[in-house]
Amino acid sequence: MKALILVAGMFGLAAIAIPAEANAVVCARGVVRAGCAGPGGAVVARRPVPRAVVVRPAPVRCAIVNGRRVCR
């Protein structure tokens, strides 16, 4: 029984003492760009440039009323 406890204790210490490989990924979002860094490398992406909003003017509606052109 003592041998079994000794072997289990040694196995437990070995599992704690041997460091495991870290596979963490860290991501951050900044004002200009965002990026992630992990064990395989890093990736950076820029934010898209906002496009100008173009508003088409309303069409001019004209009609002939009593022989005169009326546009509204």
PDB file of N, CA and C in Angstrom:
ATOM      1  N   MET A   1       0.818  -1.184   0.000  1.00  0.00           N
ATOM      2  CA  MET A   1       0.000   0.000   0.000  1.00  0.00           C
ATOM      3  C   MET A   1       0.869   1.258   0.000  1.00  0.00           C
ATOM      4  N   LYS A   2       1.977   1.212   0.759  1.00  0.00           N
ATOM      5  CA  LYS A   2       2.870   2.361   0.794  1.00  0.00           C
ATOM      6  C   LYS A   2       3.475   2.613  -0.579  1.00  0.00           C
ATOM      7  N   ALA A   3       3.787   1.541  -1.303  1.00  0.00           N
ATOM      8  CA  ALA A   3       4.376   1.690  -2.635  1.00  0.00           C
ATOM      9  C   ALA A   3       3.385   2.359  -3.592  1.00  0.00           C
ATOM     10  N   LEU A   4       2.110   1.997  -3.490  1.00  0.00           N
ATOM     11  CA  LEU A   4       1.083   2.580  -4.354  1.00  0.00           C
ATOM     12  C   LEU A   4       0.926   4.075  -4.075  1.00  0.00           C
ATOM     13  N   ILE A   5       0.927   4.454  -2.807  1.00  0.00           N
ATOM     14  CA  ILE A   5       0.819   5.865  -2.438  1.00  0.00           C
ATOM     15  C   ILE A   5       2.062   6.625  -2.889  1.00  0.00           C
ATOM     16  N   LEU A   6       3.227   5.995  -2.759  1.00  0.00           N
ATOM     17  CA  LEU A   6       4.475   6.621  -3.182  1.00  0.00           C
ATOM     18  C   LEU A   6       4.478   6.855  -4.691  1.00  0.00           C
ATOM     19  N   VAL A   7       4.047   5.859  -5.462  1.00  0.00           N
ATOM     20  CA  VAL A   7       4.009   5.995  -6.923  1.00  0.00           C
ATOM     21  C   VAL A   7       2.997   7.067  -7.327  1.00  0.00           C
ATOM     22  N   ALA A   8       1.831   7.076  -6.688  1.00  0.00           N
ATOM     23  CA  ALA A   8       0.817   8.082  -7.001  1.00  0.00           C
ATOM     24  C   ALA A   8       1.316   9.485  -6.650  1.00  0.00           C
ATOM     25  N   GLY A   9       2.012   9.618  -5.540  1.00  0.00           N
ATOM     26  CA  GLY A   9       2.563  10.911  -5.147  1.00  0.00           C
ATOM     27  C   GLY A   9       3.630  11.392  -6.106  1.00  0.00           C
ATOM     28  N   MET A  10       4.491  10.482  -6.564  1.00  0.00           N
ATOM     29  CA  MET A  10       5.535  10.857  -7.525  1.00  0.00           C
ATOM     30  C   MET A  10       4.910  11.274  -8.863  1.00  0.00           C
ATOM     31  N   PHE A  11       3.875  10.559  -9.271  1.00  0.00           N
ATOM     32  CA  PHE A  11       3.198  10.899 -10.520  1.00  0.00           C
ATOM     33  C   PHE A  11       2.531  12.275 -10.407  1.00  0.00           C
ATOM     34  N   GLY A  12       1.925  12.541  -9.265  1.00  0.00           N
ATOM     35  CA  GLY A  12       1.292  13.841  -9.043  1.00  0.00           C
ATOM     36  C   GLY A  12       2.300  14.977  -9.045  1.00  0.00           C
ATOM     37  N   LEU A  13       3.446  14.774  -8.398  1.00  0.00           N
ATOM     38  CA  LEU A  13       4.493  15.797  -8.397  1.00  0.00           C
ATOM     39  C   LEU A  13       5.057  16.021  -9.792  1.00  0.00           C
ATOM     40  N   ALA A  14       5.208  14.932 -10.548  1.00  0.00           N
ATOM     41  CA  ALA A  14       5.725  15.068 -11.913  1.00  0.00           C
ATOM     42  C   ALA A  14       4.741  15.853 -12.784  1.00  0.00           C
ATOM     43  N   ALA A  15       3.446  15.618 -12.589  1.00  0.00           N
ATOM     44  CA  ALA A  15       2.446  16.336 -13.381  1.00  0.00           C
ATOM     45  C   ALA A  15       2.437  17.823 -13.042  1.00  0.00           C
ATOM     46  N   ILE A  16       2.699  18.160 -11.796  1.00  0.00           N
ATOM     47  CA  ILE A  16       2.712  19.564 -11.387  1.00  0.00           C
ATOM     48  C   ILE A  16       4.023  20.231 -11.780  1.00  0.00           C
ATOM     49  N   ALA A  17       5.137  19.527 -11.660  1.00  0.00           N
ATOM     50  CA  ALA A  17       6.451  20.118 -11.867  1.00  0.00           C
ATOM     51  C   ALA A  17       6.778  20.332 -13.338  1.00  0.00           C
ATOM     52  N   ILE A  18       6.267  19.501 -14.239  1.00  0.00           N
ATOM     53  CA  ILE A  18       6.579  19.634 -15.663  1.00  0.00           C
ATOM     54  C   ILE A  18       5.652  20.699 -16.254  1.00  0.00           C
ATOM     55  N   PRO A  19       6.216  21.773 -16.785  1.00  0.00           N
ATOM     56  CA  PRO A  19       5.355  22.835 -17.330  1.00  0.00           C
ATOM     57  C   PRO A  19       4.673  22.382 -18.620  1.00  0.00           C
ATOM     58  N   ALA A  20       3.444  22.813 -18.786  1.00  0.00           N
ATOM     59  CA  ALA A  20       2.695  22.504 -20.002  1.00  0.00           C
ATOM     60  C   ALA A  20       2.860  23.649 -20.999  1.00  0.00           C
ATOM     61  N   GLU A  21       2.702  23.340 -22.263  1.00  0.00           N
ATOM     62  CA  GLU A  21       2.821  24.353 -23.303  1.00  0.00           C
ATOM     63  C   GLU A  21       1.594  25.265 -23.255  1.00  0.00           C
ATOM     64  N   ALA A  22       1.835  26.555 -23.313  1.00  0.00           N
ATOM     65  CA  ALA A  22       0.729  27.520 -23.270  1.00  0.00           C
ATOM     66  C   ALA A  22       0.252  27.803 -24.690  1.00  0.00           C
ATOM     67  N   ASN A  23      -1.032  27.668 -24.922  1.00  0.00           N
ATOM     68  CA  ASN A  23      -1.616  27.941 -26.233  1.00  0.00           C
ATOM     69  C   ASN A  23      -2.589  29.110 -26.130  1.00  0.00           C
ATOM     70  N   ALA A  24      -2.174  30.144 -25.452  1.00  0.00           N
ATOM     71  CA  ALA A  24      -3.061  31.284 -25.238  1.00  0.00           C
ATOM     72  C   ALA A  24      -3.055  32.202 -26.459  1.00  0.00           C
ATOM     73  N   VAL A  25      -4.178  32.832 -26.696  1.00  0.00           N
ATOM     74  CA  VAL A  25      -4.312  33.826 -27.754  1.00  0.00           C
ATOM     75  C   VAL A  25      -4.784  35.115 -27.098  1.00  0.00           C
ATOM     76  N   VAL A  26      -4.111  36.205 -27.422  1.00  0.00           N
ATOM     77  CA  VAL A  26      -4.444  37.501 -26.844  1.00  0.00           C
ATOM     78  C   VAL A  26      -4.877  38.423 -27.976  1.00  0.00           C
ATOM     79  N   CYS A  27      -6.037  39.053 -27.821  1.00  0.00           N
ATOM     80  CA  CYS A  27      -6.544  39.980 -28.833  1.00  0.00           C
ATOM     81  C   CYS A  27      -6.780  41.343 -28.201  1.00  0.00           C
ATOM     82  N   ALA A  28      -6.593  42.383 -29.005  1.00  0.00           N
ATOM     83  CA  ALA A  28      -6.840  43.751 -28.535  1.00  0.00           C
ATOM     84  C   ALA A  28      -7.392  44.571 -29.687  1.00  0.00           C
ATOM     85  N   ARG A  29      -8.233  45.542 -29.345  1.00  0.00           N
ATOM     86  CA  ARG A  29      -8.799  46.424 -30.365  1.00  0.00           C
ATOM     87  C   ARG A  29      -8.413  47.846 -30.016  1.00  0.00           C
ATOM     88  N   GLY A  30      -7.698  48.480 -30.934  1.00  0.00           N
ATOM     89  CA  GLY A  30      -7.259  49.844 -30.706  1.00  0.00           C
ATOM     90  C   GLY A  30      -8.063  50.832 -31.526  1.00  0.00           C
ATOM     91  N   VAL A  31      -7.624  52.099 -31.498  1.00  0.00           N
ATOM     92  CA  VAL A  31      -8.328  53.149 -32.225  1.00  0.00           C
ATOM     93  C   VAL A  31      -8.126  52.990 -33.726  1.00  0.00           C
ATOM     94  N   VAL A  32      -6.905  52.655 -34.134  1.00  0.00           N
ATOM     95  CA  VAL A  32      -6.588  52.569 -35.558  1.00  0.00           C
ATOM     96  C   VAL A  32      -6.733  51.153 -36.084  1.00  0.00           C
ATOM     97  N   ARG A  33      -6.266  50.164 -35.331  1.00  0.00           N
ATOM     98  CA  ARG A  33      -6.305  48.790 -35.831  1.00  0.00           C
ATOM     99  C   ARG A  33      -6.505  47.813 -34.687  1.00  0.00           C
ATOM    100  N   ALA A  34      -6.840  46.588 -35.053  1.00  0.00           N
ATOM    101  CA  ALA A  34      -7.036  45.525 -34.072  1.00  0.00           C
ATOM    102  C   ALA A  34      -6.095  44.385 -34.424  1.00  0.00           C
ATOM    103  N   GLY A  35      -5.743  43.567 -33.427  1.00  0.00           N
ATOM    104  CA  GLY A  35      -4.832  42.468 -33.706  1.00  0.00           C
ATOM    105  C   GLY A  35      -4.914  41.379 -32.670  1.00  0.00           C
ATOM    106  N   CYS A  36      -4.449  40.187 -33.058  1.00  0.00           N
ATOM    107  CA  CYS A  36      -4.389  39.032 -32.175  1.00  0.00           C
ATOM    108  C   CYS A  36      -2.994  38.427 -32.260  1.00  0.00           C
ATOM    109  N   ALA A  37      -2.490  37.950 -31.141  1.00  0.00           N
ATOM    110  CA  ALA A  37      -1.186  37.298 -31.096  1.00  0.00           C
ATOM    111  C   ALA A  37      -1.342  35.954 -30.418  1.00  0.00           C
ATOM    112  N   GLY A  38      -0.798  34.919 -31.030  1.00  0.00           N
ATOM    113  CA  GLY A  38      -0.889  33.577 -30.478  1.00  0.00           C
ATOM    114  C   GLY A  38       0.393  32.818 -30.725  1.00  0.00           C
ATOM    115  N   PRO A  39       0.398  31.510 -30.461  1.00  0.00           N
ATOM    116  CA  PRO A  39       1.613  30.727 -30.633  1.00  0.00           C
ATOM    117  C   PRO A  39       2.032  30.594 -32.094  1.00  0.00           C
ATOM    118  N   GLY A  40       1.108  30.740 -33.032  1.00  0.00           N
ATOM    119  CA  GLY A  40       1.442  30.607 -34.454  1.00  0.00           C
ATOM    120  C   GLY A  40       1.845  31.910 -35.104  1.00  0.00           C
ATOM    121  N   GLY A  41       1.765  33.021 -34.407  1.00  0.00           N
ATOM    122  CA  GLY A  41       2.117  34.312 -34.982  1.00  0.00           C
ATOM    123  C   GLY A  41       1.100  35.366 -34.604  1.00  0.00           C
ATOM    124  N   ALA A  42       1.178  36.490 -35.305  1.00  0.00           N
ATOM    125  CA  ALA A  42       0.288  37.609 -35.000  1.00  0.00           C
ATOM    126  C   ALA A  42      -0.435  38.055 -36.258  1.00  0.00           C
ATOM    127  N   VAL A  43      -1.616  38.623 -36.069  1.00  0.00           N
ATOM    128  CA  VAL A  43      -2.421  39.137 -37.173  1.00  0.00           C
ATOM    129  C   VAL A  43      -2.887  40.533 -36.789  1.00  0.00           C
ATOM    130  N   VAL A  44      -2.758  41.470 -37.731  1.00  0.00           N
ATOM    131  CA  VAL A  44      -3.195  42.843 -37.495  1.00  0.00           C
ATOM    132  C   VAL A  44      -4.131  43.233 -38.626  1.00  0.00           C
ATOM    133  N   ALA A  45      -5.236  43.889 -38.298  1.00  0.00           N
ATOM    134  CA  ALA A  45      -6.196  44.334 -39.307  1.00  0.00           C
ATOM    135  C   ALA A  45      -6.535  45.795 -39.069  1.00  0.00           C
ATOM    136  N   ARG A  46      -6.568  46.571 -40.159  1.00  0.00           N
ATOM    137  CA  ARG A  46      -6.955  47.977 -40.057  1.00  0.00           C
ATOM    138  C   ARG A  46      -8.462  48.105 -40.116  1.00  0.00           C
ATOM    139  N   ARG A  47      -8.960  49.163 -39.527  1.00  0.00           N
ATOM    140  CA  ARG A  47     -10.393  49.437 -39.612  1.00  0.00           C
ATOM    141  C   ARG A  47     -10.703  49.987 -40.999  1.00  0.00           C
ATOM    142  N   PRO A  48     -11.865  49.644 -41.545  1.00  0.00           N
ATOM    143  CA  PRO A  48     -12.197  50.163 -42.871  1.00  0.00           C
ATOM    144  C   PRO A  48     -12.433  51.674 -42.837  1.00  0.00           C
ATOM    145  N   VAL A  49     -12.106  52.329 -43.946  1.00  0.00           N
ATOM    146  CA  VAL A  49     -12.305  53.766 -44.057  1.00  0.00           C
ATOM    147  C   VAL A  49     -13.788  54.019 -44.321  1.00  0.00           C
ATOM    148  N   PRO A  50     -14.425  54.873 -43.536  1.00  0.00           N
ATOM    149  CA  PRO A  50     -15.851  55.125 -43.776  1.00  0.00           C
ATOM    150  C   PRO A  50     -16.051  55.855 -45.100  1.00  0.00           C
ATOM    151  N   ARG A  51     -17.048  55.431 -45.843  1.00  0.00           N
ATOM    152  CA  ARG A  51     -17.338  56.053 -47.128  1.00  0.00           C
ATOM    153  C   ARG A  51     -18.300  57.219 -46.932  1.00  0.00           C
ATOM    154  N   ALA A  52     -18.177  58.205 -47.815  1.00  0.00           N
ATOM    155  CA  ALA A  52     -19.053  59.367 -47.747  1.00  0.00           C
ATOM    156  C   ALA A  52     -20.470  58.961 -48.150  1.00  0.00           C
ATOM    157  N   VAL A  53     -21.429  59.507 -47.445  1.00  0.00           N
ATOM    158  CA  VAL A  53     -22.828  59.225 -47.750  1.00  0.00           C
ATOM    159  C   VAL A  53     -23.284  60.201 -48.825  1.00  0.00           C
ATOM    160  N   VAL A  54     -23.778  59.666 -49.929  1.00  0.00           N
ATOM    161  CA  VAL A  54     -24.247  60.503 -51.030  1.00  0.00           C
ATOM    162  C   VAL A  54     -25.765  60.453 -51.039  1.00  0.00           C
ATOM    163  N   VAL A  55     -26.368  61.630 -50.925  1.00  0.00           N
ATOM    164  CA  VAL A  55     -27.827  61.724 -50.940  1.00  0.00           C
ATOM    165  C   VAL A  55     -28.243  62.294 -52.285  1.00  0.00           C
ATOM    166  N   ARG A  56     -29.042  61.542 -53.001  1.00  0.00           N
ATOM    167  CA  ARG A  56     -29.517  61.996 -54.301  1.00  0.00           C
ATOM    168  C   ARG A  56     -30.618  63.034 -54.081  1.00  0.00           C
ATOM    169  N   PRO A  57     -30.542  64.156 -54.792  1.00  0.00           N
ATOM    170  CA  PRO A  57     -31.581  65.165 -54.595  1.00  0.00           C
ATOM    171  C   PRO A  57     -32.944  64.655 -55.062  1.00  0.00           C
ATOM    172  N   ALA A  58     -33.967  65.173 -54.428  1.00  0.00           N
ATOM    173  CA  ALA A  58     -35.321  64.763 -54.786  1.00  0.00           C
ATOM    174  C   ALA A  58     -35.634  65.255 -56.195  1.00  0.00           C
ATOM    175  N   PRO A  59     -36.333  64.447 -56.974  1.00  0.00           N
ATOM    176  CA  PRO A  59     -36.652  64.881 -58.337  1.00  0.00           C
ATOM    177  C   PRO A  59     -37.637  66.053 -58.312  1.00  0.00           C
ATOM    178  N   VAL A  60     -37.446  66.940 -59.262  1.00  0.00           N
ATOM    179  CA  VAL A  60     -38.341  68.085 -59.376  1.00  0.00           C
ATOM    180  C   VAL A  60     -39.572  67.616 -60.137  1.00  0.00           C
ATOM    181  N   ARG A  61     -40.709  67.773 -59.522  1.00  0.00           N
ATOM    182  CA  ARG A  61     -41.950  67.328 -60.152  1.00  0.00           C
ATOM    183  C   ARG A  61     -42.667  68.549 -60.719  1.00  0.00           C
ATOM    184  N   CYS A  62     -42.804  68.540 -61.993  1.00  0.00           N
ATOM    185  CA  CYS A  62     -43.468  69.646 -62.670  1.00  0.00           C
ATOM    186  C   CYS A  62     -44.738  69.140 -63.339  1.00  0.00           C
ATOM    187  N   ALA A  63     -45.703  70.003 -63.369  1.00  0.00           N
ATOM    188  CA  ALA A  63     -46.968  69.682 -64.035  1.00  0.00           C
ATOM    189  C   ALA A  63     -47.500  70.955 -64.686  1.00  0.00           C
ATOM    190  N   ILE A  64     -48.316  70.776 -65.665  1.00  0.00           N
ATOM    191  CA  ILE A  64     -48.932  71.927 -66.321  1.00  0.00           C
ATOM    192  C   ILE A  64     -50.343  72.066 -65.762  1.00  0.00           C
ATOM    193  N   VAL A  65     -50.562  73.190 -65.087  1.00  0.00           N
ATOM    194  CA  VAL A  65     -51.851  73.470 -64.471  1.00  0.00           C
ATOM    195  C   VAL A  65     -52.388  74.760 -65.095  1.00  0.00           C
ATOM    196  N   ASN A  66     -53.557  74.670 -65.703  1.00  0.00           N
ATOM    197  CA  ASN A  66     -54.204  75.814 -66.350  1.00  0.00           C
ATOM    198  C   ASN A  66     -53.278  76.492 -67.358  1.00  0.00           C
ATOM    199  N   GLY A  67     -52.528  75.688 -68.092  1.00  0.00           N
ATOM    200  CA  GLY A  67     -51.659  76.233 -69.128  1.00  0.00           C
ATOM    201  C   GLY A  67     -50.338  76.777 -68.615  1.00  0.00           C
ATOM    202  N   ARG A  68     -50.056  76.638 -67.338  1.00  0.00           N
ATOM    203  CA  ARG A  68     -48.787  77.113 -66.771  1.00  0.00           C
ATOM    204  C   ARG A  68     -48.024  75.946 -66.164  1.00  0.00           C
ATOM    205  N   ARG A  69     -46.719  76.065 -66.235  1.00  0.00           N
ATOM    206  CA  ARG A  69     -45.863  75.013 -65.657  1.00  0.00           C
ATOM    207  C   ARG A  69     -45.693  75.292 -64.164  1.00  0.00           C
ATOM    208  N   VAL A  70     -46.037  74.279 -63.323  1.00  0.00           N
ATOM    209  CA  VAL A  70     -45.937  74.409 -61.871  1.00  0.00           C
ATOM    210  C   VAL A  70     -45.004  73.307 -61.381  1.00  0.00           C
ATOM    211  N   CYS A  71     -43.919  73.712 -60.703  1.00  0.00           N
ATOM    212  CA  CYS A  71     -42.952  72.743 -60.166  1.00  0.00           C
ATOM    213  C   CYS A  71     -42.990  72.803 -58.644  1.00  0.00           C
ATOM    214  N   ARG A  72     -43.060  71.654 -58.026  1.00  0.00           N
ATOM    215  CA  ARG A  72     -43.084  71.577 -56.564  1.00  0.00           C
ATOM    216  C   ARG A  72     -42.068  70.584 -56.084  1.00  0.00           C
TER     217      ARG A  72
END
